[in-house]
Amino acid sequence: MSKMKEHYFIVKWSKAEGWEIDPATEEVRFPDGTVWNGKEGVGEWELPYLGEGRFNDNNDLVAEDLQVILDYANEREEVNA
């Protein structure tokens, strides 16, 4: 049975911006991509964007879901400030 792909993101926080995904650092730290494809016994990094509007393993939807979570966390911080 093959393992499902795993999506990695770098999330950062600052007082000025709050929580946010950091694609610039992702490109530097994950030059081979941010999607881990742990195939049976062998794994490899893959790019999240495949070109021509196609995303690896719905990476665009995963990123949107993560952004919703970060937006919620930022809203909570504003309320609690």
PDB file of N, CA and C in Angstrom:
ATOM      1  N   MET A   1       0.822  -1.169   0.000  1.00  0.00           N
ATOM      2  CA  MET A   1       0.000   0.000   0.000  1.00  0.00           C
ATOM      3  C   MET A   1       0.880   1.250   0.000  1.00  0.00           C
ATOM      4  N   SER A   2       0.624   2.171  -0.895  1.00  0.00           N
ATOM      5  CA  SER A   2       1.456   3.362  -0.965  1.00  0.00           C
ATOM      6  C   SER A   2       1.006   4.390   0.077  1.00  0.00           C
ATOM      7  N   LYS A   3       1.953   5.121   0.577  1.00  0.00           N
ATOM      8  CA  LYS A   3       1.691   6.136   1.575  1.00  0.00           C
ATOM      9  C   LYS A   3       1.137   7.389   0.898  1.00  0.00           C
ATOM     10  N   MET A   4       0.251   8.072   1.585  1.00  0.00           N
ATOM     11  CA  MET A   4      -0.305   9.306   1.052  1.00  0.00           C
ATOM     12  C   MET A   4       0.765  10.404   1.056  1.00  0.00           C
ATOM     13  N   LYS A   5       0.586  11.377   0.195  1.00  0.00           N
ATOM     14  CA  LYS A   5       1.517  12.492   0.134  1.00  0.00           C
ATOM     15  C   LYS A   5       1.310  13.397   1.345  1.00  0.00           C
ATOM     16  N   GLU A   6       2.406  14.005   1.786  1.00  0.00           N
ATOM     17  CA  GLU A   6       2.383  14.928   2.918  1.00  0.00           C
ATOM     18  C   GLU A   6       2.774  16.310   2.418  1.00  0.00           C
ATOM     19  N   HIS A   7       2.059  17.322   2.872  1.00  0.00           N
ATOM     20  CA  HIS A   7       2.301  18.701   2.449  1.00  0.00           C
ATOM     21  C   HIS A   7       2.994  19.460   3.574  1.00  0.00           C
ATOM     22  N   TYR A   8       4.094  20.123   3.246  1.00  0.00           N
ATOM     23  CA  TYR A   8       4.851  20.879   4.231  1.00  0.00           C
ATOM     24  C   TYR A   8       4.769  22.355   3.899  1.00  0.00           C
ATOM     25  N   PHE A   9       4.575  23.160   4.935  1.00  0.00           N
ATOM     26  CA  PHE A   9       4.506  24.606   4.793  1.00  0.00           C
ATOM     27  C   PHE A   9       5.371  25.231   5.869  1.00  0.00           C
ATOM     28  N   ILE A  10       5.929  26.375   5.584  1.00  0.00           N
ATOM     29  CA  ILE A  10       6.599  27.160   6.612  1.00  0.00           C
ATOM     30  C   ILE A  10       5.636  28.264   7.004  1.00  0.00           C
ATOM     31  N   VAL A  11       5.305  28.292   8.284  1.00  0.00           N
ATOM     32  CA  VAL A  11       4.401  29.290   8.829  1.00  0.00           C
ATOM     33  C   VAL A  11       5.223  30.158   9.774  1.00  0.00           C
ATOM     34  N   LYS A  12       5.057  31.470   9.642  1.00  0.00           N
ATOM     35  CA  LYS A  12       5.798  32.373  10.526  1.00  0.00           C
ATOM     36  C   LYS A  12       4.825  33.320  11.212  1.00  0.00           C
ATOM     37  N   TRP A  13       5.313  33.939  12.300  1.00  0.00           N
ATOM     38  CA  TRP A  13       4.513  34.901  13.036  1.00  0.00           C
ATOM     39  C   TRP A  13       5.365  36.123  13.325  1.00  0.00           C
ATOM     40  N   SER A  14       4.758  37.281  13.186  1.00  0.00           N
ATOM     41  CA  SER A  14       5.391  38.528  13.613  1.00  0.00           C
ATOM     42  C   SER A  14       4.301  39.425  14.176  1.00  0.00           C
ATOM     43  N   LYS A  15       4.707  40.375  15.026  1.00  0.00           N
ATOM     44  CA  LYS A  15       3.720  41.305  15.585  1.00  0.00           C
ATOM     45  C   LYS A  15       3.052  42.113  14.480  1.00  0.00           C
ATOM     46  N   ALA A  16       3.807  42.454  13.475  1.00  0.00           N
ATOM     47  CA  ALA A  16       3.279  43.300  12.396  1.00  0.00           C
ATOM     48  C   ALA A  16       2.288  42.565  11.506  1.00  0.00           C
ATOM     49  N   GLU A  17       2.558  41.304  11.194  1.00  0.00           N
ATOM     50  CA  GLU A  17       1.744  40.565  10.212  1.00  0.00           C
ATOM     51  C   GLU A  17       0.913  39.443  10.804  1.00  0.00           C
ATOM     52  N   GLY A  18       1.230  39.016  12.023  1.00  0.00           N
ATOM     53  CA  GLY A  18       0.534  37.872  12.597  1.00  0.00           C
ATOM     54  C   GLY A  18       1.020  36.575  11.959  1.00  0.00           C
ATOM     55  N   TRP A  19       0.146  35.584  11.915  1.00  0.00           N
ATOM     56  CA  TRP A  19       0.472  34.275  11.333  1.00  0.00           C
ATOM     57  C   TRP A  19       0.318  34.330   9.821  1.00  0.00           C
ATOM     58  N   GLU A  20       1.293  33.774   9.114  1.00  0.00           N
ATOM     59  CA  GLU A  20       1.205  33.725   7.652  1.00  0.00           C
ATOM     60  C   GLU A  20       2.086  32.621   7.091  1.00  0.00           C
ATOM     61  N   ILE A  21       1.699  32.116   5.938  1.00  0.00           N
ATOM     62  CA  ILE A  21       2.514  31.153   5.191  1.00  0.00           C
ATOM     63  C   ILE A  21       3.656  31.930   4.563  1.00  0.00           C
ATOM     64  N   ASP A  22       4.848  31.353   4.571  1.00  0.00           N
ATOM     65  CA  ASP A  22       6.043  32.029   4.067  1.00  0.00           C
ATOM     66  C   ASP A  22       6.603  31.298   2.837  1.00  0.00           C
ATOM     67  N   PRO A  23       6.043  31.560   1.644  1.00  0.00           N
ATOM     68  CA  PRO A  23       6.494  30.849   0.441  1.00  0.00           C
ATOM     69  C   PRO A  23       7.939  31.150   0.050  1.00  0.00           C
ATOM     70  N   ALA A  24       8.429  32.347   0.375  1.00  0.00           N
ATOM     71  CA  ALA A  24       9.820  32.676   0.022  1.00  0.00           C
ATOM     72  C   ALA A  24      10.796  31.765   0.764  1.00  0.00           C
ATOM     73  N   THR A  25      10.548  31.550   2.050  1.00  0.00           N
ATOM     74  CA  THR A  25      11.410  30.660   2.825  1.00  0.00           C
ATOM     75  C   THR A  25      11.220  29.206   2.400  1.00  0.00           C
ATOM     76  N   GLU A  26       9.984  28.840   2.048  1.00  0.00           N
ATOM     77  CA  GLU A  26       9.738  27.473   1.553  1.00  0.00           C
ATOM     78  C   GLU A  26      10.611  27.182   0.343  1.00  0.00           C
ATOM     79  N   GLU A  27      10.705  28.135  -0.582  1.00  0.00           N
ATOM     80  CA  GLU A  27      11.508  27.918  -1.788  1.00  0.00           C
ATOM     81  C   GLU A  27      12.974  27.722  -1.465  1.00  0.00           C
ATOM     82  N   VAL A  28      13.465  28.444  -0.445  1.00  0.00           N
ATOM     83  CA  VAL A  28      14.873  28.328  -0.060  1.00  0.00           C
ATOM     84  C   VAL A  28      15.129  27.027   0.698  1.00  0.00           C
ATOM     85  N   ARG A  29      14.257  26.714   1.641  1.00  0.00           N
ATOM     86  CA  ARG A  29      14.457  25.542   2.500  1.00  0.00           C
ATOM     87  C   ARG A  29      14.029  24.220   1.858  1.00  0.00           C
ATOM     88  N   PHE A  30      13.114  24.309   0.893  1.00  0.00           N
ATOM     89  CA  PHE A  30      12.629  23.121   0.190  1.00  0.00           C
ATOM     90  C   PHE A  30      12.802  23.308  -1.315  1.00  0.00           C
ATOM     91  N   PRO A  31      14.039  23.357  -1.800  1.00  0.00           N
ATOM     92  CA  PRO A  31      14.258  23.624  -3.227  1.00  0.00           C
ATOM     93  C   PRO A  31      13.684  22.548  -4.155  1.00  0.00           C
ATOM     94  N   ASP A  32      13.501  21.344  -3.635  1.00  0.00           N
ATOM     95  CA  ASP A  32      12.961  20.252  -4.451  1.00  0.00           C
ATOM     96  C   ASP A  32      11.454  20.121  -4.326  1.00  0.00           C
ATOM     97  N   GLY A  33      10.833  21.031  -3.577  1.00  0.00           N
ATOM     98  CA  GLY A  33       9.382  20.996  -3.417  1.00  0.00           C
ATOM     99  C   GLY A  33       8.976  20.789  -1.973  1.00  0.00           C
ATOM    100  N   THR A  34       7.692  21.024  -1.698  1.00  0.00           N
ATOM    101  CA  THR A  34       7.175  20.928  -0.332  1.00  0.00           C
ATOM    102  C   THR A  34       6.170  19.787  -0.158  1.00  0.00           C
ATOM    103  N   VAL A  35       6.070  18.942  -1.162  1.00  0.00           N
ATOM    104  CA  VAL A  35       5.174  17.781  -1.064  1.00  0.00           C
ATOM    105  C   VAL A  35       6.045  16.525  -0.982  1.00  0.00           C
ATOM    106  N   TRP A  36       5.919  15.799   0.118  1.00  0.00           N
ATOM    107  CA  TRP A  36       6.681  14.567   0.314  1.00  0.00           C
ATOM    108  C   TRP A  36       5.849  13.400  -0.177  1.00  0.00           C
ATOM    109  N   ASN A  37       6.392  12.697  -1.152  1.00  0.00           N
ATOM    110  CA  ASN A  37       5.733  11.512  -1.691  1.00  0.00           C
ATOM    111  C   ASN A  37       6.471  10.301  -1.146  1.00  0.00           C
ATOM    112  N   GLY A  38       5.936   9.726  -0.081  1.00  0.00           N
ATOM    113  CA  GLY A  38       6.576   8.588   0.569  1.00  0.00           C
ATOM    114  C   GLY A  38       6.152   7.282  -0.066  1.00  0.00           C
ATOM    115  N   LYS A  39       6.564   7.081  -1.303  1.00  0.00           N
ATOM    116  CA  LYS A  39       6.233   5.828  -1.991  1.00  0.00           C
ATOM    117  C   LYS A  39       6.838   4.657  -1.234  1.00  0.00           C
ATOM    118  N   GLU A  40       6.320   3.486  -1.485  1.00  0.00           N
ATOM    119  CA  GLU A  40       6.754   2.283  -0.776  1.00  0.00           C
ATOM    120  C   GLU A  40       8.273   2.166  -0.740  1.00  0.00           C
ATOM    121  N   GLY A  41       8.841   2.387   0.456  1.00  0.00           N
ATOM    122  CA  GLY A  41      10.273   2.226   0.649  1.00  0.00           C
ATOM    123  C   GLY A  41      11.119   3.352   0.088  1.00  0.00           C
ATOM    124  N   VAL A  42      10.548   4.186  -0.747  1.00  0.00           N
ATOM    125  CA  VAL A  42      11.308   5.281  -1.356  1.00  0.00           C
ATOM    126  C   VAL A  42      10.471   6.539  -1.239  1.00  0.00           C
ATOM    127  N   GLY A  43      11.101   7.618  -0.884  1.00  0.00           N
ATOM    128  CA  GLY A  43      10.385   8.880  -0.811  1.00  0.00           C
ATOM    129  C   GLY A  43      11.109   9.936  -1.611  1.00  0.00           C
ATOM    130  N   GLU A  44      10.339  10.929  -2.051  1.00  0.00           N
ATOM    131  CA  GLU A  44      10.962  12.023  -2.780  1.00  0.00           C
ATOM    132  C   GLU A  44      10.129  13.287  -2.614  1.00  0.00           C
ATOM    133  N   TRP A  45      10.811  14.410  -2.690  1.00  0.00           N
ATOM    134  CA  TRP A  45      10.139  15.700  -2.630  1.00  0.00           C
ATOM    135  C   TRP A  45       9.630  16.048  -4.018  1.00  0.00           C
ATOM    136  N   GLU A  46       8.449  16.646  -4.047  1.00  0.00           N
ATOM    137  CA  GLU A  46       7.845  17.053  -5.314  1.00  0.00           C
ATOM    138  C   GLU A  46       7.384  18.497  -5.207  1.00  0.00           C
ATOM    139  N   LEU A  47       7.330  19.155  -6.339  1.00  0.00           N
ATOM    140  CA  LEU A  47       6.867  20.538  -6.373  1.00  0.00           C
ATOM    141  C   LEU A  47       5.358  20.596  -6.149  1.00  0.00           C
ATOM    142  N   PRO A  48       4.882  21.626  -5.436  1.00  0.00           N
ATOM    143  CA  PRO A  48       3.450  21.734  -5.193  1.00  0.00           C
ATOM    144  C   PRO A  48       2.666  22.163  -6.435  1.00  0.00           C
ATOM    145  N   TYR A  49       3.310  22.936  -7.311  1.00  0.00           N
ATOM    146  CA  TYR A  49       2.635  23.401  -8.522  1.00  0.00           C
ATOM    147  C   TYR A  49       3.219  22.660  -9.722  1.00  0.00           C
ATOM    148  N   LEU A  50       2.371  22.032 -10.503  1.00  0.00           N
ATOM    149  CA  LEU A  50       2.818  21.207 -11.624  1.00  0.00           C
ATOM    150  C   LEU A  50       2.789  21.950 -12.955  1.00  0.00           C
ATOM    151  N   GLY A  51       2.231  23.158 -12.953  1.00  0.00           N
ATOM    152  CA  GLY A  51       2.141  23.941 -14.183  1.00  0.00           C
ATOM    153  C   GLY A  51       0.775  23.816 -14.835  1.00  0.00           C
ATOM    154  N   GLU A  52       0.489  24.768 -15.700  1.00  0.00           N
ATOM    155  CA  GLU A  52      -0.760  24.782 -16.469  1.00  0.00           C
ATOM    156  C   GLU A  52      -1.995  24.680 -15.568  1.00  0.00           C
ATOM    157  N   GLY A  53      -1.942  25.349 -14.399  1.00  0.00           N
ATOM    158  CA  GLY A  53      -3.089  25.366 -13.500  1.00  0.00           C
ATOM    159  C   GLY A  53      -3.292  24.099 -12.687  1.00  0.00           C
ATOM    160  N   ARG A  54      -2.331  23.186 -12.713  1.00  0.00           N
ATOM    161  CA  ARG A  54      -2.458  21.921 -11.977  1.00  0.00           C
ATOM    162  C   ARG A  54      -1.586  21.948 -10.719  1.00  0.00           C
ATOM    163  N   PHE A  55      -2.157  21.469  -9.614  1.00  0.00           N
ATOM    164  CA  PHE A  55      -1.446  21.404  -8.346  1.00  0.00           C
ATOM    165  C   PHE A  55      -1.260  19.959  -7.919  1.00  0.00           C
ATOM    166  N   ASN A  56      -0.127  19.674  -7.312  1.00  0.00           N
ATOM    167  CA  ASN A  56       0.221  18.337  -6.839  1.00  0.00           C
ATOM    168  C   ASN A  56      -0.673  17.961  -5.661  1.00  0.00           C
ATOM    169  N   ASP A  57      -1.452  16.914  -5.812  1.00  0.00           N
ATOM    170  CA  ASP A  57      -2.258  16.353  -4.726  1.00  0.00           C
ATOM    171  C   ASP A  57      -3.117  17.438  -4.065  1.00  0.00           C
ATOM    172  N   ASN A  58      -3.735  18.293  -4.894  1.00  0.00           N
ATOM    173  CA  ASN A  58      -4.615  19.371  -4.405  1.00  0.00           C
ATOM    174  C   ASN A  58      -3.906  20.313  -3.442  1.00  0.00           C
ATOM    175  N   ASN A  59      -2.636  20.601  -3.675  1.00  0.00           N
ATOM    176  CA  ASN A  59      -1.882  21.475  -2.785  1.00  0.00           C
ATOM    177  C   ASN A  59      -2.526  22.852  -2.648  1.00  0.00           C
ATOM    178  N   ASP A  60      -3.173  23.327  -3.696  1.00  0.00           N
ATOM    179  CA  ASP A  60      -3.837  24.633  -3.615  1.00  0.00           C
ATOM    180  C   ASP A  60      -4.960  24.610  -2.575  1.00  0.00           C
ATOM    181  N   LEU A  61      -5.715  23.526  -2.514  1.00  0.00           N
ATOM    182  CA  LEU A  61      -6.803  23.413  -1.545  1.00  0.00           C
ATOM    183  C   LEU A  61      -6.267  23.241  -0.126  1.00  0.00           C
ATOM    184  N   VAL A  62      -5.178  22.496   0.010  1.00  0.00           N
ATOM    185  CA  VAL A  62      -4.551  22.318   1.319  1.00  0.00           C
ATOM    186  C   VAL A  62      -4.056  23.677   1.827  1.00  0.00           C
ATOM    187  N   ALA A  63      -3.423  24.460   0.953  1.00  0.00           N
ATOM    188  CA  ALA A  63      -2.933  25.783   1.335  1.00  0.00           C
ATOM    189  C   ALA A  63      -4.088  26.713   1.714  1.00  0.00           C
ATOM    190  N   GLU A  64      -5.189  26.632   0.991  1.00  0.00           N
ATOM    191  CA  GLU A  64      -6.367  27.448   1.320  1.00  0.00           C
ATOM    192  C   GLU A  64      -6.912  27.075   2.702  1.00  0.00           C
ATOM    193  N   ASP A  65      -6.975  25.788   3.000  1.00  0.00           N
ATOM    194  CA  ASP A  65      -7.448  25.342   4.312  1.00  0.00           C
ATOM    195  C   ASP A  65      -6.532  25.851   5.425  1.00  0.00           C
ATOM    196  N   LEU A  66      -5.225  25.762   5.200  1.00  0.00           N
ATOM    197  CA  LEU A  66      -4.270  26.258   6.190  1.00  0.00           C
ATOM    198  C   LEU A  66      -4.435  27.768   6.376  1.00  0.00           C
ATOM    199  N   GLN A  67      -4.665  28.487   5.293  1.00  0.00           N
ATOM    200  CA  GLN A  67      -4.837  29.937   5.389  1.00  0.00           C
ATOM    201  C   GLN A  67      -6.080  30.288   6.206  1.00  0.00           C
ATOM    202  N   VAL A  68      -7.130  29.505   6.079  1.00  0.00           N
ATOM    203  CA  VAL A  68      -8.341  29.727   6.890  1.00  0.00           C
ATOM    204  C   VAL A  68      -7.999  29.588   8.376  1.00  0.00           C
ATOM    205  N   ILE A  69      -7.214  28.582   8.709  1.00  0.00           N
ATOM    206  CA  ILE A  69      -6.807  28.371  10.107  1.00  0.00           C
ATOM    207  C   ILE A  69      -5.971  29.547  10.597  1.00  0.00           C
ATOM    208  N   LEU A  70      -5.032  30.009   9.779  1.00  0.00           N
ATOM    209  CA  LEU A  70      -4.182  31.134  10.172  1.00  0.00           C
ATOM    210  C   LEU A  70      -4.991  32.422  10.305  1.00  0.00           C
ATOM    211  N   ASP A  71      -5.939  32.636   9.410  1.00  0.00           N
ATOM    212  CA  ASP A  71      -6.802  33.816   9.498  1.00  0.00           C
ATOM    213  C   ASP A  71      -7.594  33.798  10.799  1.00  0.00           C
ATOM    214  N   TYR A  72      -8.099  32.627  11.162  1.00  0.00           N
ATOM    215  CA  TYR A  72      -8.838  32.486  12.413  1.00  0.00           C
ATOM    216  C   TYR A  72      -7.937  32.816  13.608  1.00  0.00           C
ATOM    217  N   ALA A  73      -6.716  32.303  13.597  1.00  0.00           N
ATOM    218  CA  ALA A  73      -5.774  32.578  14.685  1.00  0.00           C
ATOM    219  C   ALA A  73      -5.468  34.071  14.756  1.00  0.00           C
ATOM    220  N   ASN A  74      -5.310  34.714  13.617  1.00  0.00           N
ATOM    221  CA  ASN A  74      -5.039  36.157  13.604  1.00  0.00           C
ATOM    222  C   ASN A  74      -6.226  36.946  14.135  1.00  0.00           C
ATOM    223  N   GLU A  75      -7.433  36.538  13.790  1.00  0.00           N
ATOM    224  CA  GLU A  75      -8.632  37.209  14.299  1.00  0.00           C
ATOM    225  C   GLU A  75      -8.730  37.072  15.808  1.00  0.00           C
ATOM    226  N   ARG A  76      -8.416  35.898  16.322  1.00  0.00           N
ATOM    227  CA  ARG A  76      -8.452  35.671  17.779  1.00  0.00           C
ATOM    228  C   ARG A  76      -7.435  36.556  18.479  1.00  0.00           C
ATOM    229  N   GLU A  77      -6.245  36.705  17.887  1.00  0.00           N
ATOM    230  CA  GLU A  77      -5.221  37.546  18.490  1.00  0.00           C
ATOM    231  C   GLU A  77      -5.672  39.005  18.532  1.00  0.00           C
ATOM    232  N   GLU A  78      -6.361  39.467  17.488  1.00  0.00           N
ATOM    233  CA  GLU A  78      -6.872  40.846  17.464  1.00  0.00           C
ATOM    234  C   GLU A  78      -7.896  41.051  18.560  1.00  0.00           C
ATOM    235  N   VAL A  79      -8.749  40.080  18.781  1.00  0.00           N
ATOM    236  CA  VAL A  79      -9.779  40.176  19.817  1.00  0.00           C
ATOM    237  C   VAL A  79      -9.144  40.181  21.195  1.00  0.00           C
ATOM    238  N   ASN A  80      -8.102  39.369  21.366  1.00  0.00           N
ATOM    239  CA  ASN A  80      -7.464  39.239  22.662  1.00  0.00           C
ATOM    240  C   ASN A  80      -6.402  40.311  22.946  1.00  0.00           C
ATOM    241  N   ALA A  81      -6.132  41.172  21.974  1.00  0.00           N
ATOM    242  CA  ALA A  81      -5.086  42.192  22.148  1.00  0.00           C
ATOM    243  C   ALA A  81      -5.528  43.312  23.063  1.00  0.00           C
TER     244      ALA A  81
END
